[in-house]
Amino acid sequence: MAGVATEGPGAGKGARLRAVCVVPLVRLLGGVADLARRRGRYETSAGLFHAGRAIAERWLGPAHPEVAVLLNNMGVLFKYRGHFAEGWEAYRQALTITEATLGPRHPRVAVIYHNLAGLAHEEGRHAVAEPYARRGLELREQAVGPDHPDVAADLAALAAILDGQGRHDEAERLYRRALEVFEKRLGCEHEDLAVTLNNLAALCQTTGRLTEAEQLYERALAIKQKVLGARHPEVGVTLNNLAVLQRQRGRSAAARLLYRRALSIFEARLGAHHPRTATCRANHRKLLREAAASGDDLSSHSGGQLDERSST
């Protein structure tokens, strides 16, 4: 019939061949993009993700599971860049595709729920984040058991959300459970361990245990600098928090230096308008204003802490 495309006996074979050729390329681009994101090279990461998505959608179709993987990882990148609306859209598309193609209890669904919780938490919407975090934890425990590092990441993520709601005792128990698993399964110099140490330190700081908080921050900072490099944005997170702590302890000179280091990292790697840059800048300016007004008697200064979540 004129104008109607028909498929011959080799059409199915051609589709399989395209998948065999395209899937490794898409995964390679996605893997390199995610590595660039972990190293704080966000512009490079975005370009690679968009290229991989364009190839996957053209040759595999827009509802293919590989497209969902890219969308999920793009959502993580959007969160780190402070592009929250784009992050929600990417995660929701990823969830729709994954549940339709792999089923609602697949481990990849747990990953997306984990990341949805992280995005809501980053926006400060803890009540929205909690059900996502609990659903992701439930699915992941069913898939891999309670002592897997991915489950520990879910525990730490839920802990951060509970901490944000003021449920400090419950949050601390989850943080310490997560730390045990990370140290046992990943060793003592891993990014996920450092993230959880930072967040536990913030909890200790909030509850008045300043000496313990400082020790935890220093350990987190040492791991991050070794694993991620001295100019990574996550290093800036712990520098900012250490500055807040030093100000609480009356060490204004040390706090100024830490704020400046953190702000330099955030401005260079995240840009002047990123939420983390804004928080750190506000902390630093408040410190300087109060120093001018009170002759540097700033021991009561309380700045904005930054916490983190690992994203799978």
C-alpha atoms as a PDB file:
ATOM      1  CA  MET A   1       0.000   0.000   0.000  1.00  0.00           C
ATOM      2  CA  ALA A   2       1.432   3.371  -0.983  1.00  0.00           C
ATOM      3  CA  GLY A   3       2.696   5.550   1.888  1.00  0.00           C
ATOM      4  CA  VAL A   4       2.645   2.754   4.459  1.00  0.00           C
ATOM      5  CA  ALA A   5       5.964   1.425   5.725  1.00  0.00           C
ATOM      6  CA  THR A   6       6.142  -2.341   6.113  1.00  0.00           C
ATOM      7  CA  GLU A   7       8.655  -4.533   7.946  1.00  0.00           C
ATOM      8  CA  GLY A   8      10.261  -7.579   6.470  1.00  0.00           C
ATOM      9  CA  PRO A   9      11.555 -10.675   8.202  1.00  0.00           C
ATOM     10  CA  GLY A  10      14.833  -8.954   9.090  1.00  0.00           C
ATOM     11  CA  ALA A  11      13.277  -6.033  10.963  1.00  0.00           C
ATOM     12  CA  GLY A  12      13.413  -7.679  14.370  1.00  0.00           C
ATOM     13  CA  LYS A  13      17.012  -8.686  13.811  1.00  0.00           C
ATOM     14  CA  GLY A  14      17.854  -5.106  12.871  1.00  0.00           C
ATOM     15  CA  ALA A  15      16.305  -3.804  16.073  1.00  0.00           C
ATOM     16  CA  ARG A  16      18.299  -6.285  18.136  1.00  0.00           C
ATOM     17  CA  LEU A  17      21.473  -5.309  16.316  1.00  0.00           C
ATOM     18  CA  ARG A  18      20.836  -1.620  17.017  1.00  0.00           C
ATOM     19  CA  ALA A  19      20.334  -2.392  20.690  1.00  0.00           C
ATOM     20  CA  VAL A  20      23.572  -4.381  20.840  1.00  0.00           C
ATOM     21  CA  CYS A  21      25.476  -1.482  19.284  1.00  0.00           C
ATOM     22  CA  VAL A  22      23.705   1.444  20.938  1.00  0.00           C
ATOM     23  CA  VAL A  23      23.320   0.276  24.549  1.00  0.00           C
ATOM     24  CA  PRO A  24      27.090   0.046  25.257  1.00  0.00           C
ATOM     25  CA  LEU A  25      27.605   3.531  23.780  1.00  0.00           C
ATOM     26  CA  VAL A  26      24.763   5.014  25.823  1.00  0.00           C
ATOM     27  CA  ARG A  27      26.092   3.387  29.007  1.00  0.00           C
ATOM     28  CA  LEU A  28      29.597   4.638  28.267  1.00  0.00           C
ATOM     29  CA  LEU A  29      28.388   8.216  27.815  1.00  0.00           C
ATOM     30  CA  GLY A  30      26.264   7.970  30.944  1.00  0.00           C
ATOM     31  CA  GLY A  31      29.145   6.548  32.978  1.00  0.00           C
ATOM     32  CA  VAL A  32      31.572   9.260  31.886  1.00  0.00           C
ATOM     33  CA  ALA A  33      28.896  11.903  32.537  1.00  0.00           C
ATOM     34  CA  ASP A  34      28.331  10.592  36.054  1.00  0.00           C
ATOM     35  CA  LEU A  35      32.083  10.521  36.705  1.00  0.00           C
ATOM     36  CA  ALA A  36      32.329  14.150  35.610  1.00  0.00           C
ATOM     37  CA  ARG A  37      29.463  15.003  37.962  1.00  0.00           C
ATOM     38  CA  ARG A  38      31.189  13.277  40.873  1.00  0.00           C
ATOM     39  CA  ARG A  39      34.320  15.301  40.144  1.00  0.00           C
ATOM     40  CA  GLY A  40      32.320  18.529  40.184  1.00  0.00           C
ATOM     41  CA  ARG A  41      32.570  19.136  36.416  1.00  0.00           C
ATOM     42  CA  TYR A  42      28.893  19.861  36.001  1.00  0.00           C
ATOM     43  CA  GLU A  43      28.893  21.513  32.562  1.00  0.00           C
ATOM     44  CA  THR A  44      30.817  18.606  31.053  1.00  0.00           C
ATOM     45  CA  SER A  45      28.493  16.147  32.749  1.00  0.00           C
ATOM     46  CA  ALA A  46      25.398  17.875  31.381  1.00  0.00           C
ATOM     47  CA  GLY A  47      26.675  17.797  27.811  1.00  0.00           C
ATOM     48  CA  LEU A  48      27.470  14.095  27.981  1.00  0.00           C
ATOM     49  CA  PHE A  49      24.101  13.229  29.516  1.00  0.00           C
ATOM     50  CA  HIS A  50      22.221  15.144  26.827  1.00  0.00           C
ATOM     51  CA  ALA A  51      24.227  13.434  24.085  1.00  0.00           C
ATOM     52  CA  GLY A  52      23.563  10.005  25.556  1.00  0.00           C
ATOM     53  CA  ARG A  53      19.865  10.712  25.963  1.00  0.00           C
ATOM     54  CA  ALA A  54      19.522  11.914  22.358  1.00  0.00           C
ATOM     55  CA  ILE A  55      21.159   8.737  21.045  1.00  0.00           C
ATOM     56  CA  ALA A  56      19.127   6.471  23.310  1.00  0.00           C
ATOM     57  CA  GLU A  57      15.795   8.050  22.457  1.00  0.00           C
ATOM     58  CA  ARG A  58      16.518   7.976  18.722  1.00  0.00           C
ATOM     59  CA  TRP A  59      17.704   4.378  18.469  1.00  0.00           C
ATOM     60  CA  LEU A  60      16.075   2.647  21.454  1.00  0.00           C
ATOM     61  CA  GLY A  61      12.909   4.695  21.859  1.00  0.00           C
ATOM     62  CA  PRO A  62      11.881   7.306  24.468  1.00  0.00           C
ATOM     63  CA  ALA A  63      10.393   4.699  26.843  1.00  0.00           C
ATOM     64  CA  HIS A  64      13.417   2.372  26.966  1.00  0.00           C
ATOM     65  CA  PRO A  65      14.915   1.485  30.382  1.00  0.00           C
ATOM     66  CA  GLU A  66      18.283   2.931  29.330  1.00  0.00           C
ATOM     67  CA  VAL A  67      16.592   6.290  28.793  1.00  0.00           C
ATOM     68  CA  ALA A  68      15.216   6.028  32.334  1.00  0.00           C
ATOM     69  CA  VAL A  69      18.718   5.425  33.722  1.00  0.00           C
ATOM     70  CA  LEU A  70      19.983   8.560  31.997  1.00  0.00           C
ATOM     71  CA  LEU A  71      17.004  10.590  33.213  1.00  0.00           C
ATOM     72  CA  ASN A  72      17.596   9.457  36.793  1.00  0.00           C
ATOM     73  CA  ASN A  73      21.255  10.414  36.654  1.00  0.00           C
ATOM     74  CA  MET A  74      20.412  13.715  35.007  1.00  0.00           C
ATOM     75  CA  GLY A  75      18.072  14.333  37.945  1.00  0.00           C
ATOM     76  CA  VAL A  76      21.011  13.912  40.314  1.00  0.00           C
ATOM     77  CA  LEU A  77      22.995  16.446  38.298  1.00  0.00           C
ATOM     78  CA  PHE A  78      20.091  18.900  38.296  1.00  0.00           C
ATOM     79  CA  LYS A  79      19.930  18.672  42.084  1.00  0.00           C
ATOM     80  CA  TYR A  80      23.630  19.402  42.484  1.00  0.00           C
ATOM     81  CA  ARG A  81      23.339  22.397  40.145  1.00  0.00           C
ATOM     82  CA  GLY A  82      20.338  23.740  42.046  1.00  0.00           C
ATOM     83  CA  HIS A  83      17.926  23.181  39.119  1.00  0.00           C
ATOM     84  CA  PHE A  84      15.194  21.629  41.215  1.00  0.00           C
ATOM     85  CA  ALA A  85      12.232  21.859  38.834  1.00  0.00           C
ATOM     86  CA  GLU A  86      14.229  20.106  36.110  1.00  0.00           C
ATOM     87  CA  GLY A  87      15.257  17.487  38.639  1.00  0.00           C
ATOM     88  CA  TRP A  88      11.637  16.680  39.548  1.00  0.00           C
ATOM     89  CA  GLU A  89      10.706  16.315  35.896  1.00  0.00           C
ATOM     90  CA  ALA A  90      13.656  14.020  35.131  1.00  0.00           C
ATOM     91  CA  TYR A  91      12.982  11.777  38.124  1.00  0.00           C
ATOM     92  CA  ARG A  92       9.256  11.518  37.404  1.00  0.00           C
ATOM     93  CA  GLN A  93       9.903  10.547  33.796  1.00  0.00           C
ATOM     94  CA  ALA A  94      12.475   7.994  34.943  1.00  0.00           C
ATOM     95  CA  LEU A  95      10.049   6.517  37.482  1.00  0.00           C
ATOM     96  CA  THR A  96       7.233   6.229  34.941  1.00  0.00           C
ATOM     97  CA  ILE A  97       9.421   4.443  32.403  1.00  0.00           C
ATOM     98  CA  THR A  98      11.064   2.147  34.950  1.00  0.00           C
ATOM     99  CA  GLU A  99       7.841   1.023  36.622  1.00  0.00           C
ATOM    100  CA  ALA A 100       6.222   0.393  33.212  1.00  0.00           C
ATOM    101  CA  THR A 101       9.131  -1.593  31.765  1.00  0.00           C
ATOM    102  CA  LEU A 102      10.702  -3.319  34.784  1.00  0.00           C
ATOM    103  CA  GLY A 103       7.907  -3.364  37.355  1.00  0.00           C
ATOM    104  CA  PRO A 104       7.157  -1.308  40.488  1.00  0.00           C
ATOM    105  CA  ARG A 105       9.395  -3.357  42.812  1.00  0.00           C
ATOM    106  CA  HIS A 106      12.529  -3.410  40.691  1.00  0.00           C
ATOM    107  CA  PRO A 107      15.752  -2.229  42.421  1.00  0.00           C
ATOM    108  CA  ARG A 108      16.011   0.659  39.950  1.00  0.00           C
ATOM    109  CA  VAL A 109      12.705   1.956  41.297  1.00  0.00           C
ATOM    110  CA  ALA A 110      14.288   2.060  44.767  1.00  0.00           C
ATOM    111  CA  VAL A 111      17.111   4.184  43.361  1.00  0.00           C
ATOM    112  CA  ILE A 112      14.677   6.735  41.962  1.00  0.00           C
ATOM    113  CA  TYR A 113      12.703   6.953  45.212  1.00  0.00           C
ATOM    114  CA  HIS A 114      15.978   7.523  47.065  1.00  0.00           C
ATOM    115  CA  ASN A 115      16.805  10.378  44.726  1.00  0.00           C
ATOM    116  CA  LEU A 116      13.309  11.895  44.850  1.00  0.00           C
ATOM    117  CA  ALA A 117      13.700  12.005  48.622  1.00  0.00           C
ATOM    118  CA  GLY A 118      17.077  13.677  48.231  1.00  0.00           C
ATOM    119  CA  LEU A 119      15.675  16.368  45.984  1.00  0.00           C
ATOM    120  CA  ALA A 120      12.781  17.158  48.326  1.00  0.00           C
ATOM    121  CA  HIS A 121      15.231  17.246  51.238  1.00  0.00           C
ATOM    122  CA  GLU A 122      17.530  19.637  49.354  1.00  0.00           C
ATOM    123  CA  GLU A 123      14.542  21.959  48.939  1.00  0.00           C
ATOM    124  CA  GLY A 124      13.870  21.751  52.692  1.00  0.00           C
ATOM    125  CA  ARG A 125      10.584  19.856  52.222  1.00  0.00           C
ATOM    126  CA  HIS A 126      11.268  17.123  54.764  1.00  0.00           C
ATOM    127  CA  ALA A 127       7.673  15.926  55.098  1.00  0.00           C
ATOM    128  CA  VAL A 128       7.538  15.384  51.337  1.00  0.00           C
ATOM    129  CA  ALA A 129      10.913  13.634  51.362  1.00  0.00           C
ATOM    130  CA  GLU A 130      10.229  11.121  54.140  1.00  0.00           C
ATOM    131  CA  PRO A 131       7.714   8.826  52.344  1.00  0.00           C
ATOM    132  CA  TYR A 132       9.966   8.655  49.285  1.00  0.00           C
ATOM    133  CA  ALA A 133      12.939   7.747  51.476  1.00  0.00           C
ATOM    134  CA  ARG A 134      11.042   5.057  53.378  1.00  0.00           C
ATOM    135  CA  ARG A 135       9.704   3.516  50.162  1.00  0.00           C
ATOM    136  CA  GLY A 136      13.172   3.413  48.636  1.00  0.00           C
ATOM    137  CA  LEU A 137      14.601   1.810  51.770  1.00  0.00           C
ATOM    138  CA  GLU A 138      11.872  -0.824  51.846  1.00  0.00           C
ATOM    139  CA  LEU A 139      12.408  -1.814  48.210  1.00  0.00           C
ATOM    140  CA  ARG A 140      16.177  -1.862  48.517  1.00  0.00           C
ATOM    141  CA  GLU A 141      16.220  -4.015  51.655  1.00  0.00           C
ATOM    142  CA  GLN A 142      13.975  -6.515  49.906  1.00  0.00           C
ATOM    143  CA  ALA A 143      16.321  -6.609  46.929  1.00  0.00           C
ATOM    144  CA  VAL A 144      19.777  -6.796  48.543  1.00  0.00           C
ATOM    145  CA  GLY A 145      19.374  -7.387  52.296  1.00  0.00           C
ATOM    146  CA  PRO A 146      20.011  -5.127  55.301  1.00  0.00           C
ATOM    147  CA  ASP A 147      23.830  -5.004  55.245  1.00  0.00           C
ATOM    148  CA  HIS A 148      24.402  -3.751  51.709  1.00  0.00           C
ATOM    149  CA  PRO A 149      26.102  -0.348  51.147  1.00  0.00           C
ATOM    150  CA  ASP A 150      23.106   0.807  49.084  1.00  0.00           C
ATOM    151  CA  VAL A 151      20.837   0.155  52.064  1.00  0.00           C
ATOM    152  CA  ALA A 152      23.269   2.092  54.250  1.00  0.00           C
ATOM    153  CA  ALA A 153      22.993   5.012  51.826  1.00  0.00           C
ATOM    154  CA  ASP A 154      19.211   4.840  52.178  1.00  0.00           C
ATOM    155  CA  LEU A 155      19.503   4.794  55.971  1.00  0.00           C
ATOM    156  CA  ALA A 156      21.768   7.838  55.912  1.00  0.00           C
ATOM    157  CA  ALA A 157      19.405   9.624  53.542  1.00  0.00           C
ATOM    158  CA  LEU A 158      16.401   8.964  55.784  1.00  0.00           C
ATOM    159  CA  ALA A 159      18.457  10.087  58.786  1.00  0.00           C
ATOM    160  CA  ALA A 160      19.136  13.454  57.139  1.00  0.00           C
ATOM    161  CA  ILE A 161      15.422  13.931  56.527  1.00  0.00           C
ATOM    162  CA  LEU A 162      14.505  13.057  60.113  1.00  0.00           C
ATOM    163  CA  ASP A 163      17.276  15.336  61.376  1.00  0.00           C
ATOM    164  CA  GLY A 164      15.762  18.156  59.339  1.00  0.00           C
ATOM    165  CA  GLN A 165      12.472  17.565  61.177  1.00  0.00           C
ATOM    166  CA  GLY A 166      14.169  17.774  64.566  1.00  0.00           C
ATOM    167  CA  ARG A 167      13.944  14.017  65.234  1.00  0.00           C
ATOM    168  CA  HIS A 168      17.567  13.880  66.286  1.00  0.00           C
ATOM    169  CA  ASP A 169      17.641  10.661  68.313  1.00  0.00           C
ATOM    170  CA  GLU A 170      16.108   8.576  65.538  1.00  0.00           C
ATOM    171  CA  ALA A 171      18.339  10.249  62.965  1.00  0.00           C
ATOM    172  CA  GLU A 172      21.497   9.573  64.964  1.00  0.00           C
ATOM    173  CA  ARG A 173      20.688   5.874  65.287  1.00  0.00           C
ATOM    174  CA  LEU A 174      20.281   5.610  61.518  1.00  0.00           C
ATOM    175  CA  TYR A 175      23.483   7.555  60.820  1.00  0.00           C
ATOM    176  CA  ARG A 176      25.492   5.270  63.081  1.00  0.00           C
ATOM    177  CA  ARG A 177      23.981   2.132  61.515  1.00  0.00           C
ATOM    178  CA  ALA A 178      24.922   3.466  58.109  1.00  0.00           C
ATOM    179  CA  LEU A 179      28.472   4.252  59.226  1.00  0.00           C
ATOM    180  CA  GLU A 180      28.946   0.697  60.484  1.00  0.00           C
ATOM    181  CA  VAL A 181      27.940  -0.738  57.125  1.00  0.00           C
ATOM    182  CA  PHE A 182      30.034   1.724  55.119  1.00  0.00           C
ATOM    183  CA  GLU A 183      33.171   1.079  57.161  1.00  0.00           C
ATOM    184  CA  LYS A 184      32.666  -2.678  57.023  1.00  0.00           C
ATOM    185  CA  ARG A 185      31.831  -2.925  53.325  1.00  0.00           C
ATOM    186  CA  LEU A 186      33.540   0.098  51.714  1.00  0.00           C
ATOM    187  CA  GLY A 187      36.482   0.834  53.998  1.00  0.00           C
ATOM    188  CA  CYS A 188      37.518   3.983  55.822  1.00  0.00           C
ATOM    189  CA  GLU A 189      38.147   6.269  52.829  1.00  0.00           C
ATOM    190  CA  HIS A 190      34.963   6.350  50.777  1.00  0.00           C
ATOM    191  CA  GLU A 191      32.829   9.282  49.647  1.00  0.00           C
ATOM    192  CA  ASP A 192      29.618   7.857  51.151  1.00  0.00           C
ATOM    193  CA  LEU A 193      31.360   7.477  54.502  1.00  0.00           C
ATOM    194  CA  ALA A 194      32.529  11.102  54.367  1.00  0.00           C
ATOM    195  CA  VAL A 195      29.035  12.372  53.497  1.00  0.00           C
ATOM    196  CA  THR A 196      27.537  10.535  56.470  1.00  0.00           C
ATOM    197  CA  LEU A 197      30.289  11.747  58.815  1.00  0.00           C
ATOM    198  CA  ASN A 198      29.549  15.324  57.732  1.00  0.00           C
ATOM    199  CA  ASN A 199      25.853  14.922  58.414  1.00  0.00           C
ATOM    200  CA  LEU A 200      26.364  13.217  61.773  1.00  0.00           C
ATOM    201  CA  ALA A 201      28.721  16.045  62.713  1.00  0.00           C
ATOM    202  CA  ALA A 202      25.995  18.574  61.871  1.00  0.00           C
ATOM    203  CA  LEU A 203      23.593  16.684  64.122  1.00  0.00           C
ATOM    204  CA  CYS A 204      26.126  16.669  66.963  1.00  0.00           C
ATOM    205  CA  GLN A 205      26.650  20.390  66.441  1.00  0.00           C
ATOM    206  CA  THR A 206      22.920  21.062  66.584  1.00  0.00           C
ATOM    207  CA  THR A 207      22.596  19.086  69.811  1.00  0.00           C
ATOM    208  CA  GLY A 208      25.512  20.894  71.479  1.00  0.00           C
ATOM    209  CA  ARG A 209      28.251  18.252  71.240  1.00  0.00           C
ATOM    210  CA  LEU A 210      30.763  20.588  69.650  1.00  0.00           C
ATOM    211  CA  THR A 211      33.963  18.635  70.330  1.00  0.00           C
ATOM    212  CA  GLU A 212      32.541  15.471  68.774  1.00  0.00           C
ATOM    213  CA  ALA A 213      31.178  17.497  65.863  1.00  0.00           C
ATOM    214  CA  GLU A 214      34.572  19.031  65.152  1.00  0.00           C
ATOM    215  CA  GLN A 215      36.268  15.630  65.150  1.00  0.00           C
ATOM    216  CA  LEU A 216      33.690  14.234  62.739  1.00  0.00           C
ATOM    217  CA  TYR A 217      33.955  17.242  60.414  1.00  0.00           C
ATOM    218  CA  GLU A 218      37.739  16.986  60.344  1.00  0.00           C
ATOM    219  CA  ARG A 219      37.551  13.298  59.468  1.00  0.00           C
ATOM    220  CA  ALA A 220      34.982  13.946  56.749  1.00  0.00           C
ATOM    221  CA  LEU A 221      37.088  16.764  55.318  1.00  0.00           C
ATOM    222  CA  ALA A 222      40.248  14.643  55.187  1.00  0.00           C
ATOM    223  CA  ILE A 223      38.448  11.850  53.316  1.00  0.00           C
ATOM    224  CA  LYS A 224      36.794  14.227  50.858  1.00  0.00           C
ATOM    225  CA  GLN A 225      40.010  16.049  50.048  1.00  0.00           C
ATOM    226  CA  LYS A 226      41.802  12.768  49.439  1.00  0.00           C
ATOM    227  CA  VAL A 227      39.066  11.087  47.421  1.00  0.00           C
ATOM    228  CA  LEU A 228      37.478  14.050  45.598  1.00  0.00           C
ATOM    229  CA  GLY A 229      40.175  16.711  45.523  1.00  0.00           C
ATOM    230  CA  ALA A 230      40.600  19.964  47.419  1.00  0.00           C
ATOM    231  CA  ARG A 231      38.346  22.032  45.108  1.00  0.00           C
ATOM    232  CA  HIS A 232      35.337  19.737  44.942  1.00  0.00           C
ATOM    233  CA  PRO A 233      31.989  21.293  45.969  1.00  0.00           C
ATOM    234  CA  GLU A 234      31.469  18.646  48.653  1.00  0.00           C
ATOM    235  CA  VAL A 235      34.724  19.800  50.267  1.00  0.00           C
ATOM    236  CA  GLY A 236      33.147  23.251  50.394  1.00  0.00           C
ATOM    237  CA  VAL A 237      30.160  21.831  52.283  1.00  0.00           C
ATOM    238  CA  THR A 238      32.295  20.602  55.153  1.00  0.00           C
ATOM    239  CA  LEU A 239      34.468  23.744  55.138  1.00  0.00           C
ATOM    240  CA  ASN A 240      31.299  25.838  55.551  1.00  0.00           C
ATOM    241  CA  ASN A 241      30.089  23.667  58.415  1.00  0.00           C
ATOM    242  CA  LEU A 242      33.457  23.784  60.138  1.00  0.00           C
ATOM    243  CA  ALA A 243      33.357  27.558  59.848  1.00  0.00           C
ATOM    244  CA  VAL A 244      29.952  27.654  61.552  1.00  0.00           C
ATOM    245  CA  LEU A 245      31.323  25.437  64.303  1.00  0.00           C
ATOM    246  CA  GLN A 246      34.471  27.509  64.790  1.00  0.00           C
ATOM    247  CA  ARG A 247      32.312  30.615  65.095  1.00  0.00           C
ATOM    248  CA  GLN A 248      30.222  28.917  67.771  1.00  0.00           C
ATOM    249  CA  ARG A 249      33.433  28.158  69.639  1.00  0.00           C
ATOM    250  CA  GLY A 250      34.584  31.774  69.456  1.00  0.00           C
ATOM    251  CA  ARG A 251      37.334  31.200  66.889  1.00  0.00           C
ATOM    252  CA  SER A 252      36.452  34.021  64.521  1.00  0.00           C
ATOM    253  CA  ALA A 253      39.750  34.139  62.620  1.00  0.00           C
ATOM    254  CA  ALA A 254      39.587  30.431  61.811  1.00  0.00           C
ATOM    255  CA  ALA A 255      35.944  30.779  60.799  1.00  0.00           C
ATOM    256  CA  ARG A 256      36.738  33.601  58.362  1.00  0.00           C
ATOM    257  CA  LEU A 257      39.400  31.546  56.610  1.00  0.00           C
ATOM    258  CA  LEU A 258      37.140  28.514  56.318  1.00  0.00           C
ATOM    259  CA  TYR A 259      34.250  30.575  54.932  1.00  0.00           C
ATOM    260  CA  ARG A 260      36.538  32.141  52.342  1.00  0.00           C
ATOM    261  CA  ARG A 261      37.846  28.766  51.237  1.00  0.00           C
ATOM    262  CA  ALA A 262      34.334  27.349  50.972  1.00  0.00           C
ATOM    263  CA  LEU A 263      32.993  30.401  49.136  1.00  0.00           C
ATOM    264  CA  SER A 264      35.872  30.291  46.658  1.00  0.00           C
ATOM    265  CA  ILE A 265      35.033  26.673  45.822  1.00  0.00           C
ATOM    266  CA  PHE A 266      31.291  27.251  45.522  1.00  0.00           C
ATOM    267  CA  GLU A 267      31.613  30.339  43.330  1.00  0.00           C
ATOM    268  CA  ALA A 268      34.084  28.649  41.009  1.00  0.00           C
ATOM    269  CA  ARG A 269      32.358  25.282  40.750  1.00  0.00           C
ATOM    270  CA  LEU A 270      28.653  26.006  41.328  1.00  0.00           C
ATOM    271  CA  GLY A 271      28.280  29.639  40.348  1.00  0.00           C
ATOM    272  CA  ALA A 272      27.320  32.775  42.238  1.00  0.00           C
ATOM    273  CA  HIS A 273      23.594  31.995  42.433  1.00  0.00           C
ATOM    274  CA  HIS A 274      23.626  28.367  43.589  1.00  0.00           C
ATOM    275  CA  PRO A 275      21.813  27.785  46.931  1.00  0.00           C
ATOM    276  CA  ARG A 276      24.991  26.502  48.583  1.00  0.00           C
ATOM    277  CA  THR A 277      26.934  29.556  47.425  1.00  0.00           C
ATOM    278  CA  ALA A 278      24.185  31.802  48.753  1.00  0.00           C
ATOM    279  CA  THR A 279      24.150  30.099  52.159  1.00  0.00           C
ATOM    280  CA  CYS A 280      27.906  30.294  52.550  1.00  0.00           C
ATOM    281  CA  ARG A 281      28.025  33.929  51.401  1.00  0.00           C
ATOM    282  CA  ALA A 282      25.289  34.846  53.874  1.00  0.00           C
ATOM    283  CA  ASN A 283      27.174  33.118  56.694  1.00  0.00           C
ATOM    284  CA  HIS A 284      30.386  34.958  55.837  1.00  0.00           C
ATOM    285  CA  ARG A 285      28.707  38.355  55.547  1.00  0.00           C
ATOM    286  CA  LYS A 286      26.889  37.885  58.832  1.00  0.00           C
ATOM    287  CA  LEU A 287      30.190  37.041  60.498  1.00  0.00           C
ATOM    288  CA  LEU A 288      31.804  40.202  59.123  1.00  0.00           C
ATOM    289  CA  ARG A 289      28.844  42.408  60.101  1.00  0.00           C
ATOM    290  CA  GLU A 290      28.761  41.089  63.630  1.00  0.00           C
ATOM    291  CA  ALA A 291      32.530  41.425  63.908  1.00  0.00           C
ATOM    292  CA  ALA A 292      32.270  45.102  62.991  1.00  0.00           C
ATOM    293  CA  ALA A 293      29.381  45.683  65.386  1.00  0.00           C
ATOM    294  CA  SER A 294      30.704  43.805  68.404  1.00  0.00           C
ATOM    295  CA  GLY A 295      34.445  44.049  68.246  1.00  0.00           C
ATOM    296  CA  ASP A 296      34.697  40.441  67.035  1.00  0.00           C
ATOM    297  CA  ASP A 297      32.816  39.007  70.020  1.00  0.00           C
ATOM    298  CA  LEU A 298      30.907  36.478  67.918  1.00  0.00           C
ATOM    299  CA  SER A 299      30.815  33.339  69.999  1.00  0.00           C
ATOM    300  CA  SER A 300      27.024  33.171  69.747  1.00  0.00           C
ATOM    301  CA  HIS A 301      26.967  33.293  65.931  1.00  0.00           C
ATOM    302  CA  SER A 302      24.973  30.497  64.411  1.00  0.00           C
ATOM    303  CA  GLY A 303      25.196  30.125  60.641  1.00  0.00           C
ATOM    304  CA  GLY A 304      23.562  27.879  58.127  1.00  0.00           C
ATOM    305  CA  GLN A 305      24.871  24.344  58.013  1.00  0.00           C
ATOM    306  CA  LEU A 306      24.884  22.370  54.809  1.00  0.00           C
ATOM    307  CA  ASP A 307      24.157  18.693  54.824  1.00  0.00           C
ATOM    308  CA  GLU A 308      24.496  16.155  52.066  1.00  0.00           C
ATOM    309  CA  ARG A 309      22.991  13.024  50.686  1.00  0.00           C
ATOM    310  CA  SER A 310      24.622  10.457  48.523  1.00  0.00           C
ATOM    311  CA  SER A 311      22.738   9.860  45.306  1.00  0.00           C
ATOM    312  CA  THR A 312      22.816   6.544  43.581  1.00  0.00           C
END
